[in-house]
Amino acid sequence: MIAFDDFLKVDVRAGTILDAQPLEGARKPAYKLRIDFGPEIGEKMSSARITVRHRAEDLPGSQVCAVVNFPPKRIAGFTSEVLVLGMDDEHGNVVLIRPQFNVPNGSRLY
């Protein structure tokens, strides 16, 4: 069990994907995503292994949820600044976590 204050330390925000491209050199197929989190946070980049359930050309314009307060991580020579959230389907393929309805970019999960 964790305390509610521990949960509040994880800053999960909604953002809109602006661009999605294959991440060249990744050991496992992945996309590099450019995501707009609104004026407070701005645009951030993320690596996401979502290539089985999501096509790059379908992603721009869709909203996702991401942890925005983890330190950046280098993946295949690319700096991933946020962790886009997903869950495995019954076959172990990642499905993105998204707001059911559009919300302002930068909206916080609570």
PDB file of N, CA and C in Angstrom:
ATOM      1  N   MET A   1       0.839  -1.177   0.000  1.00  0.00           N
ATOM      2  CA  MET A   1       0.000   0.000   0.000  1.00  0.00           C
ATOM      3  C   MET A   1       0.888   1.247   0.000  1.00  0.00           C
ATOM      4  N   ILE A   2       0.427   2.272  -0.704  1.00  0.00           N
ATOM      5  CA  ILE A   2       1.115   3.557  -0.685  1.00  0.00           C
ATOM      6  C   ILE A   2       0.173   4.612  -0.125  1.00  0.00           C
ATOM      7  N   ALA A   3       0.746   5.679   0.327  1.00  0.00           N
ATOM      8  CA  ALA A   3      -0.046   6.802   0.820  1.00  0.00           C
ATOM      9  C   ALA A   3      -0.515   7.640  -0.368  1.00  0.00           C
ATOM     10  N   PHE A   4      -1.627   8.339  -0.181  1.00  0.00           N
ATOM     11  CA  PHE A   4      -2.159   9.192  -1.237  1.00  0.00           C
ATOM     12  C   PHE A   4      -1.125  10.229  -1.679  1.00  0.00           C
ATOM     13  N   ASP A   5      -0.342  10.732  -0.744  1.00  0.00           N
ATOM     14  CA  ASP A   5       0.698  11.706  -1.080  1.00  0.00           C
ATOM     15  C   ASP A   5       1.729  11.115  -2.042  1.00  0.00           C
ATOM     16  N   ASP A   6       1.984   9.796  -1.941  1.00  0.00           N
ATOM     17  CA  ASP A   6       2.895   9.139  -2.883  1.00  0.00           C
ATOM     18  C   ASP A   6       2.307   9.160  -4.294  1.00  0.00           C
ATOM     19  N   PHE A   7       1.019   8.903  -4.411  1.00  0.00           N
ATOM     20  CA  PHE A   7       0.341   8.954  -5.709  1.00  0.00           C
ATOM     21  C   PHE A   7       0.448  10.350  -6.318  1.00  0.00           C
ATOM     22  N   LEU A   8       0.301  11.368  -5.485  1.00  0.00           N
ATOM     23  CA  LEU A   8       0.338  12.743  -5.983  1.00  0.00           C
ATOM     24  C   LEU A   8       1.710  13.133  -6.528  1.00  0.00           C
ATOM     25  N   LYS A   9       2.754  12.421  -6.164  1.00  0.00           N
ATOM     26  CA  LYS A   9       4.094  12.703  -6.678  1.00  0.00           C
ATOM     27  C   LYS A   9       4.224  12.352  -8.155  1.00  0.00           C
ATOM     28  N   VAL A  10       3.390  11.422  -8.633  1.00  0.00           N
ATOM     29  CA  VAL A  10       3.430  11.030 -10.044  1.00  0.00           C
ATOM     30  C   VAL A  10       2.532  11.991 -10.825  1.00  0.00           C
ATOM     31  N   ASP A  11       3.145  12.784 -11.690  1.00  0.00           N
ATOM     32  CA  ASP A  11       2.426  13.813 -12.436  1.00  0.00           C
ATOM     33  C   ASP A  11       2.018  13.268 -13.806  1.00  0.00           C
ATOM     34  N   VAL A  12       0.766  12.831 -13.912  1.00  0.00           N
ATOM     35  CA  VAL A  12       0.232  12.285 -15.163  1.00  0.00           C
ATOM     36  C   VAL A  12      -0.621  13.355 -15.827  1.00  0.00           C
ATOM     37  N   ARG A  13      -0.275  13.681 -17.076  1.00  0.00           N
ATOM     38  CA  ARG A  13      -0.975  14.735 -17.808  1.00  0.00           C
ATOM     39  C   ARG A  13      -1.462  14.220 -19.155  1.00  0.00           C
ATOM     40  N   ALA A  14      -2.473  14.891 -19.691  1.00  0.00           N
ATOM     41  CA  ALA A  14      -2.972  14.614 -21.033  1.00  0.00           C
ATOM     42  C   ALA A  14      -2.239  15.495 -22.032  1.00  0.00           C
ATOM     43  N   GLY A  15      -1.961  14.938 -23.181  1.00  0.00           N
ATOM     44  CA  GLY A  15      -1.334  15.695 -24.256  1.00  0.00           C
ATOM     45  C   GLY A  15      -1.796  15.185 -25.598  1.00  0.00           C
ATOM     46  N   THR A  16      -1.639  16.016 -26.609  1.00  0.00           N
ATOM     47  CA  THR A  16      -2.035  15.648 -27.971  1.00  0.00           C
ATOM     48  C   THR A  16      -0.797  15.315 -28.794  1.00  0.00           C
ATOM     49  N   ILE A  17      -0.827  14.156 -29.432  1.00  0.00           N
ATOM     50  CA  ILE A  17       0.280  13.750 -30.287  1.00  0.00           C
ATOM     51  C   ILE A  17       0.296  14.641 -31.523  1.00  0.00           C
ATOM     52  N   LEU A  18       1.443  15.263 -31.774  1.00  0.00           N
ATOM     53  CA  LEU A  18       1.613  16.120 -32.943  1.00  0.00           C
ATOM     54  C   LEU A  18       2.261  15.360 -34.099  1.00  0.00           C
ATOM     55  N   ASP A  19       3.152  14.410 -33.776  1.00  0.00           N
ATOM     56  CA  ASP A  19       3.872  13.670 -34.808  1.00  0.00           C
ATOM     57  C   ASP A  19       4.282  12.316 -34.251  1.00  0.00           C
ATOM     58  N   ALA A  20       4.290  11.315 -35.109  1.00  0.00           N
ATOM     59  CA  ALA A  20       4.721   9.958 -34.750  1.00  0.00           C
ATOM     60  C   ALA A  20       5.536   9.406 -35.907  1.00  0.00           C
ATOM     61  N   GLN A  21       6.758   8.964 -35.589  1.00  0.00           N
ATOM     62  CA  GLN A  21       7.669   8.413 -36.596  1.00  0.00           C
ATOM     63  C   GLN A  21       8.327   7.158 -36.036  1.00  0.00           C
ATOM     64  N   PRO A  22       8.722   6.215 -36.894  1.00  0.00           N
ATOM     65  CA  PRO A  22       9.458   5.052 -36.400  1.00  0.00           C
ATOM     66  C   PRO A  22      10.757   5.493 -35.718  1.00  0.00           C
ATOM     67  N   LEU A  23      11.114   4.813 -34.640  1.00  0.00           N
ATOM     68  CA  LEU A  23      12.355   5.095 -33.931  1.00  0.00           C
ATOM     69  C   LEU A  23      13.424   4.159 -34.479  1.00  0.00           C
ATOM     70  N   GLU A  24      14.239   4.699 -35.370  1.00  0.00           N
ATOM     71  CA  GLU A  24      15.298   3.915 -36.003  1.00  0.00           C
ATOM     72  C   GLU A  24      16.333   3.501 -34.955  1.00  0.00           C
ATOM     73  N   GLY A  25      16.792   2.258 -35.040  1.00  0.00           N
ATOM     74  CA  GLY A  25      17.832   1.773 -34.157  1.00  0.00           C
ATOM     75  C   GLY A  25      17.333   1.182 -32.857  1.00  0.00           C
ATOM     76  N   ALA A  26      16.040   1.211 -32.602  1.00  0.00           N
ATOM     77  CA  ALA A  26      15.497   0.623 -31.377  1.00  0.00           C
ATOM     78  C   ALA A  26      15.565  -0.901 -31.461  1.00  0.00           C
ATOM     79  N   ARG A  27      15.901  -1.563 -30.341  1.00  0.00           N
ATOM     80  CA  ARG A  27      15.951  -3.030 -30.323  1.00  0.00           C
ATOM     81  C   ARG A  27      14.586  -3.642 -30.588  1.00  0.00           C
ATOM     82  N   LYS A  28      13.552  -3.031 -30.050  1.00  0.00           N
ATOM     83  CA  LYS A  28      12.171  -3.465 -30.297  1.00  0.00           C
ATOM     84  C   LYS A  28      11.480  -2.344 -31.041  1.00  0.00           C
ATOM     85  N   PRO A  29      10.612  -2.662 -32.010  1.00  0.00           N
ATOM     86  CA  PRO A  29       9.947  -1.600 -32.783  1.00  0.00           C
ATOM     87  C   PRO A  29       9.248  -0.591 -31.875  1.00  0.00           C
ATOM     88  N   ALA A  30       9.473   0.682 -32.179  1.00  0.00           N
ATOM     89  CA  ALA A  30       8.899   1.757 -31.373  1.00  0.00           C
ATOM     90  C   ALA A  30       8.707   2.990 -32.247  1.00  0.00           C
ATOM     91  N   TYR A  31       7.907   3.919 -31.742  1.00  0.00           N
ATOM     92  CA  TYR A  31       7.725   5.212 -32.380  1.00  0.00           C
ATOM     93  C   TYR A  31       8.352   6.286 -31.500  1.00  0.00           C
ATOM     94  N   LYS A  32       8.820   7.353 -32.143  1.00  0.00           N
ATOM     95  CA  LYS A  32       9.152   8.560 -31.406  1.00  0.00           C
ATOM     96  C   LYS A  32       7.964   9.496 -31.593  1.00  0.00           C
ATOM     97  N   LEU A  33       7.444   9.977 -30.481  1.00  0.00           N
ATOM     98  CA  LEU A  33       6.249  10.812 -30.471  1.00  0.00           C
ATOM     99  C   LEU A  33       6.602  12.213 -30.022  1.00  0.00           C
ATOM    100  N   ARG A  34       6.043  13.205 -30.698  1.00  0.00           N
ATOM    101  CA  ARG A  34       6.122  14.602 -30.261  1.00  0.00           C
ATOM    102  C   ARG A  34       4.734  14.949 -29.743  1.00  0.00           C
ATOM    103  N   ILE A  35       4.654  15.363 -28.470  1.00  0.00           N
ATOM    104  CA  ILE A  35       3.371  15.533 -27.792  1.00  0.00           C
ATOM    105  C   ILE A  35       3.270  16.936 -27.202  1.00  0.00           C
ATOM    106  N   ASP A  36       2.122  17.581 -27.407  1.00  0.00           N
ATOM    107  CA  ASP A  36       1.850  18.915 -26.869  1.00  0.00           C
ATOM    108  C   ASP A  36       1.099  18.772 -25.545  1.00  0.00           C
ATOM    109  N   PHE A  37       1.734  19.231 -24.449  1.00  0.00           N
ATOM    110  CA  PHE A  37       1.122  19.194 -23.125  1.00  0.00           C
ATOM    111  C   PHE A  37       0.627  20.562 -22.677  1.00  0.00           C
ATOM    112  N   GLY A  38       0.432  21.483 -23.610  1.00  0.00           N
ATOM    113  CA  GLY A  38      -0.107  22.788 -23.268  1.00  0.00           C
ATOM    114  C   GLY A  38       0.977  23.762 -22.837  1.00  0.00           C
ATOM    115  N   PRO A  39       0.571  25.016 -22.563  1.00  0.00           N
ATOM    116  CA  PRO A  39       1.538  26.089 -22.314  1.00  0.00           C
ATOM    117  C   PRO A  39       2.399  25.897 -21.062  1.00  0.00           C
ATOM    118  N   GLU A  40       1.904  25.247 -20.035  1.00  0.00           N
ATOM    119  CA  GLU A  40       2.672  25.088 -18.797  1.00  0.00           C
ATOM    120  C   GLU A  40       3.857  24.134 -18.985  1.00  0.00           C
ATOM    121  N   ILE A  41       3.648  23.046 -19.729  1.00  0.00           N
ATOM    122  CA  ILE A  41       4.676  22.013 -19.892  1.00  0.00           C
ATOM    123  C   ILE A  41       5.328  22.087 -21.268  1.00  0.00           C
ATOM    124  N   GLY A  42       4.551  22.427 -22.272  1.00  0.00           N
ATOM    125  CA  GLY A  42       5.075  22.543 -23.630  1.00  0.00           C
ATOM    126  C   GLY A  42       5.103  21.218 -24.373  1.00  0.00           C
ATOM    127  N   GLU A  43       5.894  21.178 -25.437  1.00  0.00           N
ATOM    128  CA  GLU A  43       6.033  19.965 -26.246  1.00  0.00           C
ATOM    129  C   GLU A  43       7.132  19.092 -25.661  1.00  0.00           C
ATOM    130  N   LYS A  44       6.874  17.796 -25.630  1.00  0.00           N
ATOM    131  CA  LYS A  44       7.840  16.815 -25.132  1.00  0.00           C
ATOM    132  C   LYS A  44       7.910  15.652 -26.112  1.00  0.00           C
ATOM    133  N   MET A  45       9.042  14.944 -26.060  1.00  0.00           N
ATOM    134  CA  MET A  45       9.258  13.784 -26.915  1.00  0.00           C
ATOM    135  C   MET A  45       9.170  12.512 -26.072  1.00  0.00           C
ATOM    136  N   SER A  46       8.697  11.431 -26.703  1.00  0.00           N
ATOM    137  CA  SER A  46       8.609  10.157 -26.008  1.00  0.00           C
ATOM    138  C   SER A  46       8.856   9.018 -26.977  1.00  0.00           C
ATOM    139  N   SER A  47       9.452   7.954 -26.474  1.00  0.00           N
ATOM    140  CA  SER A  47       9.571   6.707 -27.211  1.00  0.00           C
ATOM    141  C   SER A  47       8.467   5.788 -26.713  1.00  0.00           C
ATOM    142  N   ALA A  48       7.784   5.120 -27.635  1.00  0.00           N
ATOM    143  CA  ALA A  48       6.682   4.243 -27.228  1.00  0.00           C
ATOM    144  C   ALA A  48       6.671   2.982 -28.087  1.00  0.00           C
ATOM    145  N   ARG A  49       6.674   1.821 -27.412  1.00  0.00           N
ATOM    146  CA  ARG A  49       6.604   0.532 -28.117  1.00  0.00           C
ATOM    147  C   ARG A  49       5.138   0.151 -28.301  1.00  0.00           C
ATOM    148  N   ILE A  50       4.501   0.828 -29.236  1.00  0.00           N
ATOM    149  CA  ILE A  50       3.060   0.661 -29.465  1.00  0.00           C
ATOM    150  C   ILE A  50       2.767   0.297 -30.913  1.00  0.00           C
ATOM    151  N   THR A  51       3.770  -0.228 -31.620  1.00  0.00           N
ATOM    152  CA  THR A  51       3.657  -0.399 -33.074  1.00  0.00           C
ATOM    153  C   THR A  51       2.704  -1.498 -33.501  1.00  0.00           C
ATOM    154  N   VAL A  52       2.379  -2.444 -32.626  1.00  0.00           N
ATOM    155  CA  VAL A  52       1.485  -3.537 -33.026  1.00  0.00           C
ATOM    156  C   VAL A  52       0.041  -3.066 -33.081  1.00  0.00           C
ATOM    157  N   ARG A  53      -0.407  -2.342 -32.060  1.00  0.00           N
ATOM    158  CA  ARG A  53      -1.813  -1.928 -31.973  1.00  0.00           C
ATOM    159  C   ARG A  53      -2.100  -0.539 -32.537  1.00  0.00           C
ATOM    160  N   HIS A  54      -1.038   0.239 -32.819  1.00  0.00           N
ATOM    161  CA  HIS A  54      -1.229   1.620 -33.269  1.00  0.00           C
ATOM    162  C   HIS A  54      -0.350   1.902 -34.483  1.00  0.00           C
ATOM    163  N   ARG A  55      -0.945   2.518 -35.504  1.00  0.00           N
ATOM    164  CA  ARG A  55      -0.190   2.916 -36.700  1.00  0.00           C
ATOM    165  C   ARG A  55       0.236   4.372 -36.546  1.00  0.00           C
ATOM    166  N   ALA A  56       1.471   4.660 -36.939  1.00  0.00           N
ATOM    167  CA  ALA A  56       2.025   6.015 -36.782  1.00  0.00           C
ATOM    168  C   ALA A  56       1.131   7.066 -37.437  1.00  0.00           C
ATOM    169  N   GLU A  57       0.617   6.768 -38.599  1.00  0.00           N
ATOM    170  CA  GLU A  57      -0.186   7.770 -39.321  1.00  0.00           C
ATOM    171  C   GLU A  57      -1.528   8.056 -38.655  1.00  0.00           C
ATOM    172  N   ASP A  58      -1.984   7.169 -37.763  1.00  0.00           N
ATOM    173  CA  ASP A  58      -3.260   7.383 -37.069  1.00  0.00           C
ATOM    174  C   ASP A  58      -3.108   8.159 -35.762  1.00  0.00           C
ATOM    175  N   LEU A  59      -1.890   8.325 -35.272  1.00  0.00           N
ATOM    176  CA  LEU A  59      -1.675   8.893 -33.944  1.00  0.00           C
ATOM    177  C   LEU A  59      -1.766  10.416 -33.856  1.00  0.00           C
ATOM    178  N   PRO A  60      -1.246  11.185 -34.833  1.00  0.00           N
ATOM    179  CA  PRO A  60      -1.345  12.648 -34.698  1.00  0.00           C
ATOM    180  C   PRO A  60      -2.795  13.108 -34.523  1.00  0.00           C
ATOM    181  N   GLY A  61      -2.986  13.994 -33.545  1.00  0.00           N
ATOM    182  CA  GLY A  61      -4.318  14.509 -33.243  1.00  0.00           C
ATOM    183  C   GLY A  61      -5.000  13.772 -32.110  1.00  0.00           C
ATOM    184  N   SER A  62      -4.478  12.612 -31.722  1.00  0.00           N
ATOM    185  CA  SER A  62      -5.097  11.867 -30.626  1.00  0.00           C
ATOM    186  C   SER A  62      -4.430  12.222 -29.309  1.00  0.00           C
ATOM    187  N   GLN A  63      -5.199  12.149 -28.244  1.00  0.00           N
ATOM    188  CA  GLN A  63      -4.674  12.461 -26.920  1.00  0.00           C
ATOM    189  C   GLN A  63      -4.193  11.192 -26.223  1.00  0.00           C
ATOM    190  N   VAL A  64      -3.183  11.372 -25.380  1.00  0.00           N
ATOM    191  CA  VAL A  64      -2.635  10.293 -24.574  1.00  0.00           C
ATOM    192  C   VAL A  64      -2.421  10.797 -23.156  1.00  0.00           C
ATOM    193  N   CYS A  65      -2.160   9.872 -22.251  1.00  0.00           N
ATOM    194  CA  CYS A  65      -1.782  10.206 -20.882  1.00  0.00           C
ATOM    195  C   CYS A  65      -0.322   9.825 -20.705  1.00  0.00           C
ATOM    196  N   ALA A  66       0.438  10.671 -20.007  1.00  0.00           N
ATOM    197  CA  ALA A  66       1.862  10.411 -19.821  1.00  0.00           C
ATOM    198  C   ALA A  66       2.338  10.955 -18.486  1.00  0.00           C
ATOM    199  N   VAL A  67       3.339  10.278 -17.917  1.00  0.00           N
ATOM    200  CA  VAL A  67       4.029  10.778 -16.729  1.00  0.00           C
ATOM    201  C   VAL A  67       5.025  11.814 -17.223  1.00  0.00           C
ATOM    202  N   VAL A  68       4.917  13.038 -16.707  1.00  0.00           N
ATOM    203  CA  VAL A  68       5.765  14.128 -17.200  1.00  0.00           C
ATOM    204  C   VAL A  68       6.872  14.516 -16.224  1.00  0.00           C
ATOM    205  N   ASN A  69       6.970  13.843 -15.072  1.00  0.00           N
ATOM    206  CA  ASN A  69       7.997  14.238 -14.102  1.00  0.00           C
ATOM    207  C   ASN A  69       9.007  13.129 -13.795  1.00  0.00           C
ATOM    208  N   PHE A  70       9.233  12.216 -14.746  1.00  0.00           N
ATOM    209  CA  PHE A  70      10.357  11.284 -14.658  1.00  0.00           C
ATOM    210  C   PHE A  70      11.554  11.937 -15.329  1.00  0.00           C
ATOM    211  N   PRO A  71      12.769  11.551 -14.959  1.00  0.00           N
ATOM    212  CA  PRO A  71      13.941  12.094 -15.666  1.00  0.00           C
ATOM    213  C   PRO A  71      13.991  11.563 -17.096  1.00  0.00           C
ATOM    214  N   PRO A  72      14.568  12.327 -18.030  1.00  0.00           N
ATOM    215  CA  PRO A  72      14.694  11.850 -19.420  1.00  0.00           C
ATOM    216  C   PRO A  72      15.501  10.560 -19.479  1.00  0.00           C
ATOM    217  N   LYS A  73      15.213   9.753 -20.509  1.00  0.00           N
ATOM    218  CA  LYS A  73      15.893   8.467 -20.695  1.00  0.00           C
ATOM    219  C   LYS A  73      16.337   8.350 -22.145  1.00  0.00           C
ATOM    220  N   ARG A  74      17.583   7.899 -22.360  1.00  0.00           N
ATOM    221  CA  ARG A  74      18.113   7.708 -23.715  1.00  0.00           C
ATOM    222  C   ARG A  74      17.720   6.323 -24.206  1.00  0.00           C
ATOM    223  N   ILE A  75      17.112   6.278 -25.404  1.00  0.00           N
ATOM    224  CA  ILE A  75      16.694   5.028 -26.028  1.00  0.00           C
ATOM    225  C   ILE A  75      17.102   5.089 -27.487  1.00  0.00           C
ATOM    226  N   ALA A  76      18.007   4.209 -27.891  1.00  0.00           N
ATOM    227  CA  ALA A  76      18.472   4.133 -29.286  1.00  0.00           C
ATOM    228  C   ALA A  76      18.928   5.507 -29.793  1.00  0.00           C
ATOM    229  N   GLY A  77      19.679   6.246 -28.956  1.00  0.00           N
ATOM    230  CA  GLY A  77      20.183   7.552 -29.348  1.00  0.00           C
ATOM    231  C   GLY A  77      19.153   8.663 -29.311  1.00  0.00           C
ATOM    232  N   PHE A  78      17.976   8.385 -28.790  1.00  0.00           N
ATOM    233  CA  PHE A  78      16.859   9.329 -28.733  1.00  0.00           C
ATOM    234  C   PHE A  78      16.562   9.629 -27.269  1.00  0.00           C
ATOM    235  N   THR A  79      16.283  10.888 -26.936  1.00  0.00           N
ATOM    236  CA  THR A  79      15.941  11.243 -25.558  1.00  0.00           C
ATOM    237  C   THR A  79      14.429  11.251 -25.384  1.00  0.00           C
ATOM    238  N   SER A  80      13.948  10.318 -24.572  1.00  0.00           N
ATOM    239  CA  SER A  80      12.526  10.227 -24.245  1.00  0.00           C
ATOM    240  C   SER A  80      12.309  11.028 -22.967  1.00  0.00           C
ATOM    241  N   GLU A  81      11.470  12.073 -23.047  1.00  0.00           N
ATOM    242  CA  GLU A  81      11.284  13.005 -21.934  1.00  0.00           C
ATOM    243  C   GLU A  81      10.090  12.686 -21.041  1.00  0.00           C
ATOM    244  N   VAL A  82       9.131  11.931 -21.562  1.00  0.00           N
ATOM    245  CA  VAL A  82       7.931  11.569 -20.797  1.00  0.00           C
ATOM    246  C   VAL A  82       7.621  10.100 -21.040  1.00  0.00           C
ATOM    247  N   LEU A  83       6.883   9.493 -20.109  1.00  0.00           N
ATOM    248  CA  LEU A  83       6.477   8.098 -20.234  1.00  0.00           C
ATOM    249  C   LEU A  83       5.008   8.041 -20.619  1.00  0.00           C
ATOM    250  N   VAL A  84       4.740   7.690 -21.880  1.00  0.00           N
ATOM    251  CA  VAL A  84       3.370   7.520 -22.344  1.00  0.00           C
ATOM    252  C   VAL A  84       2.828   6.234 -21.725  1.00  0.00           C
ATOM    253  N   LEU A  85       1.604   6.286 -21.217  1.00  0.00           N
ATOM    254  CA  LEU A  85       1.037   5.160 -20.490  1.00  0.00           C
ATOM    255  C   LEU A  85       0.218   4.233 -21.387  1.00  0.00           C
ATOM    256  N   GLY A  86       0.327   2.954 -21.102  1.00  0.00           N
ATOM    257  CA  GLY A  86      -0.427   1.945 -21.833  1.00  0.00           C
ATOM    258  C   GLY A  86      -0.591   0.702 -20.984  1.00  0.00           C
ATOM    259  N   MET A  87      -1.344  -0.237 -21.527  1.00  0.00           N
ATOM    260  CA  MET A  87      -1.564  -1.537 -20.887  1.00  0.00           C
ATOM    261  C   MET A  87      -1.457  -2.607 -21.948  1.00  0.00           C
ATOM    262  N   ASP A  88      -1.015  -3.799 -21.533  1.00  0.00           N
ATOM    263  CA  ASP A  88      -0.947  -4.914 -22.466  1.00  0.00           C
ATOM    264  C   ASP A  88      -2.335  -5.480 -22.740  1.00  0.00           C
ATOM    265  N   ASP A  89      -2.572  -5.826 -24.019  1.00  0.00           N
ATOM    266  CA  ASP A  89      -3.784  -6.568 -24.344  1.00  0.00           C
ATOM    267  C   ASP A  89      -3.532  -8.046 -24.028  1.00  0.00           C
ATOM    268  N   GLU A  90      -4.451  -8.910 -24.408  1.00  0.00           N
ATOM    269  CA  GLU A  90      -4.344 -10.338 -24.082  1.00  0.00           C
ATOM    270  C   GLU A  90      -3.146 -11.017 -24.748  1.00  0.00           C
ATOM    271  N   HIS A  91      -2.526 -10.352 -25.740  1.00  0.00           N
ATOM    272  CA  HIS A  91      -1.371 -10.911 -26.442  1.00  0.00           C
ATOM    273  C   HIS A  91      -0.069 -10.208 -26.071  1.00  0.00           C
ATOM    274  N   GLY A  92      -0.117  -9.297 -25.105  1.00  0.00           N
ATOM    275  CA  GLY A  92       1.076  -8.588 -24.665  1.00  0.00           C
ATOM    276  C   GLY A  92       1.428  -7.375 -25.506  1.00  0.00           C
ATOM    277  N   ASN A  93       0.500  -6.921 -26.340  1.00  0.00           N
ATOM    278  CA  ASN A  93       0.716  -5.729 -27.167  1.00  0.00           C
ATOM    279  C   ASN A  93       0.173  -4.501 -26.444  1.00  0.00           C
ATOM    280  N   VAL A  94       0.950  -3.415 -26.467  1.00  0.00           N
ATOM    281  CA  VAL A  94       0.585  -2.226 -25.699  1.00  0.00           C
ATOM    282  C   VAL A  94      -0.559  -1.460 -26.364  1.00  0.00           C
ATOM    283  N   VAL A  95      -1.544  -1.137 -25.543  1.00  0.00           N
ATOM    284  CA  VAL A  95      -2.687  -0.314 -25.929  1.00  0.00           C
ATOM    285  C   VAL A  95      -2.574   0.993 -25.142  1.00  0.00           C
ATOM    286  N   LEU A  96      -2.626   2.119 -25.830  1.00  0.00           N
ATOM    287  CA  LEU A  96      -2.483   3.421 -25.182  1.00  0.00           C
ATOM    288  C   LEU A  96      -3.634   3.719 -24.226  1.00  0.00           C
ATOM    289  N   ILE A  97      -3.291   4.403 -23.140  1.00  0.00           N
ATOM    290  CA  ILE A  97      -4.290   4.938 -22.205  1.00  0.00           C
ATOM    291  C   ILE A  97      -4.615   6.350 -22.681  1.00  0.00           C
ATOM    292  N   ARG A  98      -5.889   6.610 -22.937  1.00  0.00           N
ATOM    293  CA  ARG A  98      -6.315   7.904 -23.478  1.00  0.00           C
ATOM    294  C   ARG A  98      -7.558   8.410 -22.751  1.00  0.00           C
ATOM    295  N   PRO A  99      -7.721   9.724 -22.689  1.00  0.00           N
ATOM    296  CA  PRO A  99      -8.989  10.247 -22.164  1.00  0.00           C
ATOM    297  C   PRO A  99     -10.138   9.804 -23.084  1.00  0.00           C
ATOM    298  N   GLN A 100     -11.281   9.495 -22.505  1.00  0.00           N
ATOM    299  CA  GLN A 100     -12.435   9.084 -23.305  1.00  0.00           C
ATOM    300  C   GLN A 100     -12.961  10.244 -24.155  1.00  0.00           C
ATOM    301  N   PHE A 101     -12.869  11.450 -23.616  1.00  0.00           N
ATOM    302  CA  PHE A 101     -13.269  12.658 -24.323  1.00  0.00           C
ATOM    303  C   PHE A 101     -12.080  13.609 -24.318  1.00  0.00           C
ATOM    304  N   ASN A 102     -12.014  14.521 -25.288  1.00  0.00           N
ATOM    305  CA  ASN A 102     -10.912  15.485 -25.322  1.00  0.00           C
ATOM    306  C   ASN A 102     -10.940  16.358 -24.077  1.00  0.00           C
ATOM    307  N   VAL A 103      -9.751  16.597 -23.551  1.00  0.00           N
ATOM    308  CA  VAL A 103      -9.556  17.473 -22.399  1.00  0.00           C
ATOM    309  C   VAL A 103      -8.464  18.460 -22.788  1.00  0.00           C
ATOM    310  N   PRO A 104      -8.341  19.594 -22.083  1.00  0.00           N
ATOM    311  CA  PRO A 104      -7.272  20.535 -22.410  1.00  0.00           C
ATOM    312  C   PRO A 104      -5.898  19.876 -22.237  1.00  0.00           C
ATOM    313  N   ASN A 105      -4.991  20.140 -23.167  1.00  0.00           N
ATOM    314  CA  ASN A 105      -3.626  19.638 -23.029  1.00  0.00           C
ATOM    315  C   ASN A 105      -3.049  20.140 -21.721  1.00  0.00           C
ATOM    316  N   GLY A 106      -2.391  19.238 -21.009  1.00  0.00           N
ATOM    317  CA  GLY A 106      -1.817  19.570 -19.709  1.00  0.00           C
ATOM    318  C   GLY A 106      -2.733  19.218 -18.545  1.00  0.00           C
ATOM    319  N   SER A 107      -3.964  18.777 -18.822  1.00  0.00           N
ATOM    320  CA  SER A 107      -4.867  18.391 -17.731  1.00  0.00           C
ATOM    321  C   SER A 107      -4.224  17.285 -16.914  1.00  0.00           C
ATOM    322  N   ARG A 108      -4.337  17.388 -15.590  1.00  0.00           N
ATOM    323  CA  ARG A 108      -3.706  16.414 -14.695  1.00  0.00           C
ATOM    324  C   ARG A 108      -4.681  15.319 -14.297  1.00  0.00           C
ATOM    325  N   LEU A 109      -4.162  14.096 -14.255  1.00  0.00           N
ATOM    326  CA  LEU A 109      -4.929  12.955 -13.765  1.00  0.00           C
ATOM    327  C   LEU A 109      -5.008  13.033 -12.255  1.00  0.00           C
ATOM    328  N   TYR A 110      -6.192  12.817 -11.702  1.00  0.00           N
ATOM    329  CA  TYR A 110      -6.350  12.771 -10.247  1.00  0.00           C
ATOM    330  C   TYR A 110      -7.371  11.741  -9.874  1.00  0.00           C
TER     331      TYR A 110
END
